[in-house]
Every structure is written in C-alpha cells, then in structure tokens.
Amino acid sequence: MAEAKPIAGTRPLAPKPMSPHLSIYRFKINMILSIMHRVTGITNYFGSLILAIWIASAATSEQAFNTVSSYLATPLGLVILIGFTWSVMHHMLGGIRHFVWDVGWGFSKEAVKFLSWASLIGSITLTAIIWGYALSHWGHALSLWGAR
C-alpha cells in the first residue's frame, strides 16, 4: 500500500491512533445489555408470532386452541414462553433505561452501572413473578383449556 505523502509546504501526516483490540478491551455490563437490548428486540418478533398463532387458534376453533395450547404446555414450550417473557421484560426495562439517558439523566459511571444491573435483575425478577403466578394457577388453566 502506498504511503501518504504530504502536500508541498505542509506538515507530514501524524500516524493514526489504533482502536483497542478485543483481546485487551473489557466489555462492561452496559455494553452487554445494549447488545442484549437489540437481540431481545429481534427475539420479540418471533415471540409475537407465537402469540399471534395462539390468539388465531383461539379465534379459529376450540380444537385448534387446544392443540396449540398443548404444544405450549410441553417442557420445550414452557422454556420458549418463559424465554419470551424474559425477552419482553428485558427489552421493556432496557427501553426505560435508554429513555432515562435520552432525557439526559444517569450518565455518571455509577448511574450507568446501576441502571444496567437494575435492568438485568429487574427483568429476571419480573419474569419470575409472572411465571410464579402463572404456574401456581397452571392446573386450573389447563383444565379450562381441556389440555390436561
């Protein structure tokens, strides 16, 4: 590659600074959660598709609703539903975190770290509360669905 030559009568170009390499650059919690905010946004599209299928089955017939509900009641279905719930909660709290920054608050290192951890812990806690309640009433719901 050819070297850049200075224009006559000007100073020579200074060497360009190098970006930190991944091997020496440490990821921070806010960086990881920023990436996860984007990932959960994409994940929510697929979860919304499952939700739309479930609602459409309810509008179609009782048999279709029972079929979709029985698939969602399997262990894999529960893992998907719990993961989708966490994704929605994490994306929601991440959106609130970004909104706080958009209005100009929480830019100190301590505040960024606090908001990041609060977002992560809050999403896990909200998911546990939602599914704790749902699973405590699961038997009743299954008997209503006829999927038991």
N, C-alpha and C. Protein backbone atom coordinates (compact mmCIF):
# COMPACT_ATOMS: atom_id res chain seq x y z
N MET A 1 0.85 -1.17 0.00
CA MET A 1 0.00 0.00 0.00
C MET A 1 0.89 1.23 0.00
N ALA A 2 0.54 2.20 -0.76
CA ALA A 2 1.35 3.41 -0.89
C ALA A 2 1.24 4.27 0.37
N GLU A 3 2.35 4.87 0.72
CA GLU A 3 2.38 5.77 1.87
C GLU A 3 1.81 7.12 1.46
N ALA A 4 1.10 7.76 2.38
CA ALA A 4 0.57 9.09 2.10
C ALA A 4 1.72 10.10 2.16
N LYS A 5 1.84 10.90 1.11
CA LYS A 5 2.91 11.90 1.06
C LYS A 5 2.31 13.26 1.34
N PRO A 6 3.03 14.05 2.15
CA PRO A 6 2.49 15.37 2.45
C PRO A 6 2.49 16.26 1.22
N ILE A 7 1.55 17.17 1.21
CA ILE A 7 1.47 18.16 0.13
C ILE A 7 2.59 19.17 0.37
N ALA A 8 3.15 19.66 -0.71
CA ALA A 8 4.27 20.60 -0.59
C ALA A 8 3.90 21.77 0.30
N GLY A 9 4.76 22.07 1.26
CA GLY A 9 4.55 23.21 2.14
C GLY A 9 3.70 22.89 3.36
N THR A 10 3.32 21.61 3.59
CA THR A 10 2.52 21.23 4.76
C THR A 10 3.32 20.28 5.64
N ARG A 11 2.81 20.09 6.83
CA ARG A 11 3.47 19.16 7.75
C ARG A 11 3.15 17.73 7.36
N PRO A 12 4.03 16.78 7.70
CA PRO A 12 3.73 15.38 7.42
C PRO A 12 2.55 14.90 8.27
N LEU A 13 1.83 13.93 7.75
CA LEU A 13 0.67 13.40 8.47
C LEU A 13 1.11 12.64 9.71
N ALA A 14 0.35 12.84 10.80
CA ALA A 14 0.63 12.10 12.04
C ALA A 14 0.07 10.70 11.91
N PRO A 15 0.70 9.73 12.57
CA PRO A 15 0.17 8.36 12.50
C PRO A 15 -1.22 8.30 13.16
N LYS A 16 -2.09 7.51 12.58
CA LYS A 16 -3.46 7.38 13.09
C LYS A 16 -3.45 6.51 14.35
N PRO A 17 -4.28 6.88 15.35
CA PRO A 17 -4.34 6.04 16.55
C PRO A 17 -5.03 4.71 16.24
N MET A 18 -4.61 3.67 16.94
CA MET A 18 -5.20 2.34 16.74
C MET A 18 -6.33 2.15 17.73
N SER A 19 -7.41 1.51 17.29
CA SER A 19 -8.52 1.17 18.18
C SER A 19 -8.08 0.04 19.10
N PRO A 20 -8.67 -0.03 20.31
CA PRO A 20 -8.29 -1.14 21.20
C PRO A 20 -8.74 -2.47 20.59
N HIS A 21 -7.91 -3.45 20.72
CA HIS A 21 -8.22 -4.77 20.19
C HIS A 21 -9.08 -5.52 21.19
N LEU A 22 -9.91 -6.44 20.70
CA LEU A 22 -10.81 -7.18 21.58
C LEU A 22 -10.07 -7.96 22.67
N SER A 23 -8.83 -8.31 22.41
CA SER A 23 -8.09 -9.07 23.42
C SER A 23 -7.70 -8.22 24.62
N ILE A 24 -7.68 -6.89 24.46
CA ILE A 24 -7.32 -6.04 25.58
C ILE A 24 -8.49 -5.19 26.05
N TYR A 25 -9.60 -5.22 25.34
CA TYR A 25 -10.74 -4.38 25.66
C TYR A 25 -11.73 -5.17 26.50
N ARG A 26 -12.09 -4.63 27.66
CA ARG A 26 -13.02 -5.30 28.56
C ARG A 26 -14.44 -4.85 28.32
N PHE A 27 -15.35 -5.82 28.14
CA PHE A 27 -16.76 -5.47 27.99
C PHE A 27 -17.32 -5.07 29.35
N LYS A 28 -18.13 -4.04 29.34
CA LYS A 28 -18.81 -3.56 30.55
C LYS A 28 -20.26 -4.03 30.51
N ILE A 29 -20.92 -4.04 31.66
CA ILE A 29 -22.29 -4.52 31.75
C ILE A 29 -23.22 -3.72 30.85
N ASN A 30 -23.02 -2.40 30.77
CA ASN A 30 -23.91 -1.59 29.92
C ASN A 30 -23.72 -1.91 28.44
N MET A 31 -22.53 -2.30 28.03
CA MET A 31 -22.29 -2.67 26.64
C MET A 31 -22.98 -3.99 26.32
N ILE A 32 -22.87 -4.94 27.23
CA ILE A 32 -23.51 -6.24 27.02
C ILE A 32 -25.02 -6.08 26.97
N LEU A 33 -25.58 -5.27 27.88
CA LEU A 33 -27.03 -5.09 27.90
C LEU A 33 -27.51 -4.28 26.70
N SER A 34 -26.68 -3.42 26.16
CA SER A 34 -27.05 -2.70 24.96
C SER A 34 -27.17 -3.67 23.78
N ILE A 35 -26.25 -4.60 23.69
CA ILE A 35 -26.32 -5.64 22.67
C ILE A 35 -27.55 -6.52 22.91
N MET A 36 -27.77 -6.89 24.18
CA MET A 36 -28.93 -7.73 24.50
C MET A 36 -30.24 -7.02 24.21
N HIS A 37 -30.27 -5.70 24.33
CA HIS A 37 -31.48 -4.94 24.01
C HIS A 37 -31.84 -5.14 22.53
N ARG A 38 -30.83 -5.13 21.69
CA ARG A 38 -31.06 -5.36 20.26
C ARG A 38 -31.48 -6.80 19.99
N VAL A 39 -30.82 -7.74 20.66
CA VAL A 39 -31.15 -9.16 20.49
C VAL A 39 -32.58 -9.44 20.95
N THR A 40 -32.97 -8.88 22.09
CA THR A 40 -34.33 -9.12 22.57
C THR A 40 -35.36 -8.45 21.68
N GLY A 41 -35.00 -7.35 21.05
CA GLY A 41 -35.91 -6.73 20.09
C GLY A 41 -36.20 -7.67 18.92
N ILE A 42 -35.17 -8.33 18.43
CA ILE A 42 -35.35 -9.31 17.35
C ILE A 42 -36.12 -10.52 17.85
N THR A 43 -35.77 -11.00 19.05
CA THR A 43 -36.43 -12.16 19.63
C THR A 43 -37.92 -11.91 19.83
N ASN A 44 -38.28 -10.69 20.17
CA ASN A 44 -39.69 -10.37 20.41
C ASN A 44 -40.53 -10.51 19.16
N TYR A 45 -39.93 -10.33 17.99
CA TYR A 45 -40.68 -10.57 16.76
C TYR A 45 -41.13 -12.03 16.66
N PHE A 46 -40.22 -12.94 16.96
CA PHE A 46 -40.56 -14.37 16.88
C PHE A 46 -41.54 -14.76 17.98
N GLY A 47 -41.37 -14.22 19.18
CA GLY A 47 -42.31 -14.49 20.26
C GLY A 47 -43.69 -13.94 19.94
N SER A 48 -43.74 -12.79 19.28
CA SER A 48 -45.03 -12.22 18.89
C SER A 48 -45.72 -13.10 17.86
N LEU A 49 -44.95 -13.75 17.02
CA LEU A 49 -45.52 -14.68 16.05
C LEU A 49 -46.19 -15.86 16.77
N ILE A 50 -45.52 -16.39 17.79
CA ILE A 50 -46.11 -17.48 18.59
C ILE A 50 -47.40 -17.00 19.26
N LEU A 51 -47.35 -15.80 19.82
CA LEU A 51 -48.54 -15.23 20.47
C LEU A 51 -49.67 -15.05 19.46
N ALA A 52 -49.35 -14.59 18.26
CA ALA A 52 -50.37 -14.41 17.23
C ALA A 52 -50.98 -15.75 16.80
N ILE A 53 -50.15 -16.78 16.71
CA ILE A 53 -50.66 -18.11 16.37
C ILE A 53 -51.61 -18.60 17.46
N TRP A 54 -51.24 -18.37 18.72
CA TRP A 54 -52.07 -18.82 19.84
C TRP A 54 -53.42 -18.08 19.82
N ILE A 55 -53.38 -16.77 19.58
CA ILE A 55 -54.62 -15.99 19.54
C ILE A 55 -55.47 -16.39 18.33
N ALA A 56 -54.82 -16.59 17.18
CA ALA A 56 -55.56 -17.02 15.98
C ALA A 56 -56.20 -18.38 16.19
N SER A 57 -55.52 -19.27 16.90
CA SER A 57 -56.11 -20.58 17.17
C SER A 57 -57.33 -20.46 18.07
N ALA A 58 -57.29 -19.50 19.00
CA ALA A 58 -58.45 -19.28 19.87
C ALA A 58 -59.63 -18.76 19.06
N ALA A 59 -59.35 -17.97 18.04
CA ALA A 59 -60.42 -17.43 17.20
C ALA A 59 -60.92 -18.45 16.19
N THR A 60 -60.13 -19.48 15.91
CA THR A 60 -60.50 -20.46 14.89
C THR A 60 -61.48 -21.50 15.42
N SER A 61 -61.00 -22.29 16.38
CA SER A 61 -61.86 -23.33 16.95
C SER A 61 -61.28 -23.79 18.27
N GLU A 62 -62.11 -24.48 19.03
CA GLU A 62 -61.66 -25.00 20.32
C GLU A 62 -60.58 -26.05 20.13
N GLN A 63 -60.73 -26.87 19.10
CA GLN A 63 -59.74 -27.92 18.83
C GLN A 63 -58.38 -27.30 18.46
N ALA A 64 -58.38 -26.26 17.63
CA ALA A 64 -57.13 -25.60 17.25
C ALA A 64 -56.48 -24.96 18.48
N PHE A 65 -57.29 -24.32 19.30
CA PHE A 65 -56.78 -23.70 20.52
C PHE A 65 -56.17 -24.74 21.46
N ASN A 66 -56.87 -25.87 21.64
CA ASN A 66 -56.35 -26.93 22.50
C ASN A 66 -55.06 -27.53 21.94
N THR A 67 -54.97 -27.64 20.63
CA THR A 67 -53.76 -28.19 20.01
C THR A 67 -52.57 -27.27 20.25
N VAL A 68 -52.73 -25.98 19.96
CA VAL A 68 -51.63 -25.03 20.16
C VAL A 68 -51.28 -24.94 21.64
N SER A 69 -52.29 -24.91 22.49
CA SER A 69 -52.04 -24.83 23.94
C SER A 69 -51.31 -26.05 24.45
N SER A 70 -51.64 -27.22 23.91
CA SER A 70 -50.94 -28.43 24.37
C SER A 70 -49.48 -28.42 23.95
N TYR A 71 -49.17 -27.86 22.77
CA TYR A 71 -47.76 -27.72 22.39
C TYR A 71 -47.03 -26.73 23.30
N LEU A 72 -47.70 -25.64 23.64
CA LEU A 72 -47.08 -24.64 24.51
C LEU A 72 -46.95 -25.14 25.95
N ALA A 73 -47.71 -26.16 26.32
CA ALA A 73 -47.65 -26.70 27.67
C ALA A 73 -46.55 -27.75 27.83
N THR A 74 -45.86 -28.10 26.75
CA THR A 74 -44.75 -29.06 26.84
C THR A 74 -43.56 -28.37 27.52
N PRO A 75 -42.60 -29.15 28.01
CA PRO A 75 -41.41 -28.52 28.61
C PRO A 75 -40.70 -27.55 27.66
N LEU A 76 -40.56 -27.93 26.39
CA LEU A 76 -39.92 -27.03 25.43
C LEU A 76 -40.77 -25.78 25.22
N GLY A 77 -42.08 -25.96 25.15
CA GLY A 77 -42.98 -24.82 25.00
C GLY A 77 -42.87 -23.86 26.18
N LEU A 78 -42.77 -24.42 27.39
CA LEU A 78 -42.63 -23.57 28.58
C LEU A 78 -41.30 -22.82 28.56
N VAL A 79 -40.24 -23.48 28.14
CA VAL A 79 -38.94 -22.79 28.05
C VAL A 79 -39.04 -21.64 27.06
N ILE A 80 -39.69 -21.87 25.93
CA ILE A 80 -39.86 -20.81 24.92
C ILE A 80 -40.70 -19.67 25.49
N LEU A 81 -41.80 -20.00 26.17
CA LEU A 81 -42.67 -18.96 26.72
C LEU A 81 -41.98 -18.17 27.82
N ILE A 82 -41.25 -18.86 28.69
CA ILE A 82 -40.53 -18.16 29.76
C ILE A 82 -39.43 -17.29 29.15
N GLY A 83 -38.73 -17.80 28.13
CA GLY A 83 -37.71 -17.01 27.45
C GLY A 83 -38.30 -15.79 26.77
N PHE A 84 -39.47 -15.96 26.16
CA PHE A 84 -40.14 -14.83 25.52
C PHE A 84 -40.56 -13.80 26.56
N THR A 85 -41.06 -14.26 27.69
CA THR A 85 -41.45 -13.34 28.76
C THR A 85 -40.25 -12.54 29.24
N TRP A 86 -39.11 -13.24 29.45
CA TRP A 86 -37.90 -12.53 29.89
C TRP A 86 -37.47 -11.54 28.81
N SER A 87 -37.56 -11.94 27.55
CA SER A 87 -37.16 -11.06 26.46
C SER A 87 -37.99 -9.77 26.45
N VAL A 88 -39.29 -9.91 26.65
CA VAL A 88 -40.17 -8.73 26.68
C VAL A 88 -39.84 -7.85 27.88
N MET A 89 -39.66 -8.47 29.04
CA MET A 89 -39.35 -7.69 30.25
C MET A 89 -37.99 -6.99 30.12
N HIS A 90 -37.00 -7.72 29.59
CA HIS A 90 -35.66 -7.13 29.45
C HIS A 90 -35.69 -5.99 28.43
N HIS A 91 -36.40 -6.18 27.33
CA HIS A 91 -36.47 -5.13 26.31
C HIS A 91 -37.21 -3.91 26.85
N MET A 92 -38.27 -4.15 27.62
CA MET A 92 -39.03 -3.04 28.20
C MET A 92 -38.15 -2.24 29.17
N LEU A 93 -37.47 -2.93 30.08
CA LEU A 93 -36.63 -2.22 31.05
C LEU A 93 -35.42 -1.58 30.37
N GLY A 94 -34.89 -2.23 29.33
CA GLY A 94 -33.81 -1.62 28.57
C GLY A 94 -34.29 -0.36 27.86
N GLY A 95 -35.52 -0.38 27.37
CA GLY A 95 -36.09 0.82 26.75
C GLY A 95 -36.25 1.95 27.75
N ILE A 96 -36.66 1.62 28.97
CA ILE A 96 -36.77 2.63 30.02
C ILE A 96 -35.39 3.19 30.35
N ARG A 97 -34.40 2.30 30.40
CA ARG A 97 -33.02 2.73 30.68
C ARG A 97 -32.54 3.69 29.59
N HIS A 98 -32.81 3.36 28.33
CA HIS A 98 -32.42 4.25 27.23
C HIS A 98 -33.20 5.56 27.28
N PHE A 99 -34.46 5.50 27.68
CA PHE A 99 -35.26 6.72 27.80
C PHE A 99 -34.67 7.64 28.87
N VAL A 100 -34.25 7.07 29.98
CA VAL A 100 -33.62 7.86 31.05
C VAL A 100 -32.39 8.58 30.49
N TRP A 101 -31.62 7.88 29.68
CA TRP A 101 -30.45 8.51 29.07
C TRP A 101 -30.86 9.56 28.04
N ASP A 102 -31.95 9.30 27.31
CA ASP A 102 -32.41 10.25 26.29
C ASP A 102 -32.81 11.59 26.89
N VAL A 103 -33.32 11.58 28.11
CA VAL A 103 -33.70 12.85 28.73
C VAL A 103 -32.52 13.50 29.45
N GLY A 104 -31.34 12.87 29.38
CA GLY A 104 -30.13 13.48 29.90
C GLY A 104 -29.77 13.11 31.32
N TRP A 105 -30.36 12.07 31.86
CA TRP A 105 -30.05 11.65 33.23
C TRP A 105 -29.21 10.38 33.20
N GLY A 106 -28.52 10.15 34.31
CA GLY A 106 -27.85 8.87 34.54
C GLY A 106 -26.62 8.60 33.71
N PHE A 107 -25.80 9.63 33.46
CA PHE A 107 -24.61 9.43 32.64
C PHE A 107 -23.33 9.21 33.45
N SER A 108 -23.41 9.33 34.77
CA SER A 108 -22.21 9.05 35.55
C SER A 108 -21.92 7.55 35.51
N LYS A 109 -20.68 7.19 35.73
CA LYS A 109 -20.32 5.77 35.67
C LYS A 109 -21.14 4.94 36.65
N GLU A 110 -21.35 5.49 37.83
CA GLU A 110 -22.10 4.76 38.85
C GLU A 110 -23.56 4.58 38.43
N ALA A 111 -24.15 5.64 37.87
CA ALA A 111 -25.56 5.58 37.44
C ALA A 111 -25.74 4.61 36.27
N VAL A 112 -24.81 4.61 35.33
CA VAL A 112 -24.89 3.70 34.19
C VAL A 112 -24.81 2.26 34.68
N LYS A 113 -23.88 2.01 35.58
CA LYS A 113 -23.73 0.65 36.12
C LYS A 113 -24.98 0.25 36.91
N PHE A 114 -25.51 1.15 37.72
CA PHE A 114 -26.71 0.86 38.50
C PHE A 114 -27.90 0.57 37.59
N LEU A 115 -28.13 1.42 36.59
CA LEU A 115 -29.26 1.22 35.68
C LEU A 115 -29.13 -0.09 34.91
N SER A 116 -27.91 -0.43 34.55
CA SER A 116 -27.69 -1.67 33.81
C SER A 116 -28.02 -2.88 34.68
N TRP A 117 -27.48 -2.91 35.88
CA TRP A 117 -27.76 -4.04 36.78
C TRP A 117 -29.23 -4.07 37.18
N ALA A 118 -29.83 -2.90 37.39
CA ALA A 118 -31.26 -2.85 37.74
C ALA A 118 -32.11 -3.40 36.61
N SER A 119 -31.73 -3.11 35.38
CA SER A 119 -32.45 -3.62 34.22
C SER A 119 -32.35 -5.15 34.14
N LEU A 120 -31.17 -5.68 34.35
CA LEU A 120 -30.98 -7.13 34.28
C LEU A 120 -31.69 -7.84 35.42
N ILE A 121 -31.46 -7.38 36.64
CA ILE A 121 -32.09 -8.02 37.80
C ILE A 121 -33.61 -7.83 37.77
N GLY A 122 -34.05 -6.65 37.33
CA GLY A 122 -35.48 -6.39 37.23
C GLY A 122 -36.17 -7.29 36.23
N SER A 123 -35.54 -7.54 35.09
CA SER A 123 -36.16 -8.41 34.08
C SER A 123 -36.26 -9.84 34.57
N ILE A 124 -35.24 -10.30 35.26
CA ILE A 124 -35.29 -11.67 35.81
C ILE A 124 -36.34 -11.75 36.90
N THR A 125 -36.41 -10.74 37.76
CA THR A 125 -37.39 -10.73 38.85
C THR A 125 -38.81 -10.67 38.32
N LEU A 126 -39.07 -9.80 37.36
CA LEU A 126 -40.42 -9.69 36.79
C LEU A 126 -40.83 -11.00 36.11
N THR A 127 -39.90 -11.62 35.40
CA THR A 127 -40.20 -12.91 34.76
C THR A 127 -40.53 -13.96 35.81
N ALA A 128 -39.76 -14.00 36.89
CA ALA A 128 -40.02 -14.97 37.96
C ALA A 128 -41.38 -14.72 38.61
N ILE A 129 -41.73 -13.47 38.83
CA ILE A 129 -43.04 -13.14 39.42
C ILE A 129 -44.17 -13.56 38.49
N ILE A 130 -44.05 -13.21 37.22
CA ILE A 130 -45.10 -13.56 36.25
C ILE A 130 -45.28 -15.06 36.16
N TRP A 131 -44.17 -15.80 36.01
CA TRP A 131 -44.29 -17.25 35.84
C TRP A 131 -44.55 -17.96 37.16
N GLY A 132 -44.15 -17.38 38.27
CA GLY A 132 -44.53 -17.95 39.56
C GLY A 132 -46.03 -17.93 39.72
N TYR A 133 -46.62 -16.80 39.38
CA TYR A 133 -48.08 -16.67 39.44
C TYR A 133 -48.74 -17.59 38.41
N ALA A 134 -48.23 -17.58 37.19
CA ALA A 134 -48.84 -18.39 36.13
C ALA A 134 -48.78 -19.87 36.45
N LEU A 135 -47.65 -20.34 36.91
CA LEU A 135 -47.50 -21.76 37.20
C LEU A 135 -48.30 -22.18 38.43
N SER A 136 -48.53 -21.25 39.36
CA SER A 136 -49.34 -21.59 40.52
C SER A 136 -50.80 -21.77 40.14
N HIS A 137 -51.19 -21.20 39.01
CA HIS A 137 -52.56 -21.33 38.51
C HIS A 137 -52.63 -22.20 37.26
N TRP A 138 -51.53 -22.88 36.93
CA TRP A 138 -51.43 -23.64 35.68
C TRP A 138 -52.44 -24.78 35.61
N GLY A 139 -52.60 -25.52 36.68
CA GLY A 139 -53.54 -26.65 36.67
C GLY A 139 -54.95 -26.20 36.35
N HIS A 140 -55.36 -25.09 36.93
CA HIS A 140 -56.69 -24.55 36.66
C HIS A 140 -56.81 -24.13 35.20
N ALA A 141 -55.76 -23.50 34.65
CA ALA A 141 -55.79 -23.07 33.27
C ALA A 141 -55.84 -24.26 32.32
N LEU A 142 -55.07 -25.30 32.62
CA LEU A 142 -55.07 -26.49 31.77
C LEU A 142 -56.44 -27.17 31.77
N SER A 143 -57.10 -27.18 32.92
CA SER A 143 -58.43 -27.81 32.94
C SER A 143 -59.43 -26.97 32.14
N LEU A 144 -59.26 -25.65 32.13
CA LEU A 144 -60.12 -24.81 31.31
C LEU A 144 -59.88 -25.02 29.83
N TRP A 145 -58.60 -25.27 29.46
CA TRP A 145 -58.25 -25.49 28.06
C TRP A 145 -58.66 -26.88 27.59
N GLY A 146 -58.85 -27.78 28.53
CA GLY A 146 -59.14 -29.17 28.15
C GLY A 146 -57.90 -29.92 27.73
N ALA A 147 -56.72 -29.37 28.09
CA ALA A 147 -55.46 -29.97 27.65
C ALA A 147 -54.86 -30.90 28.68
N ARG A 148 -55.53 -31.13 29.77
CA ARG A 148 -54.98 -31.93 30.84
C ARG A 148 -55.06 -33.39 30.56
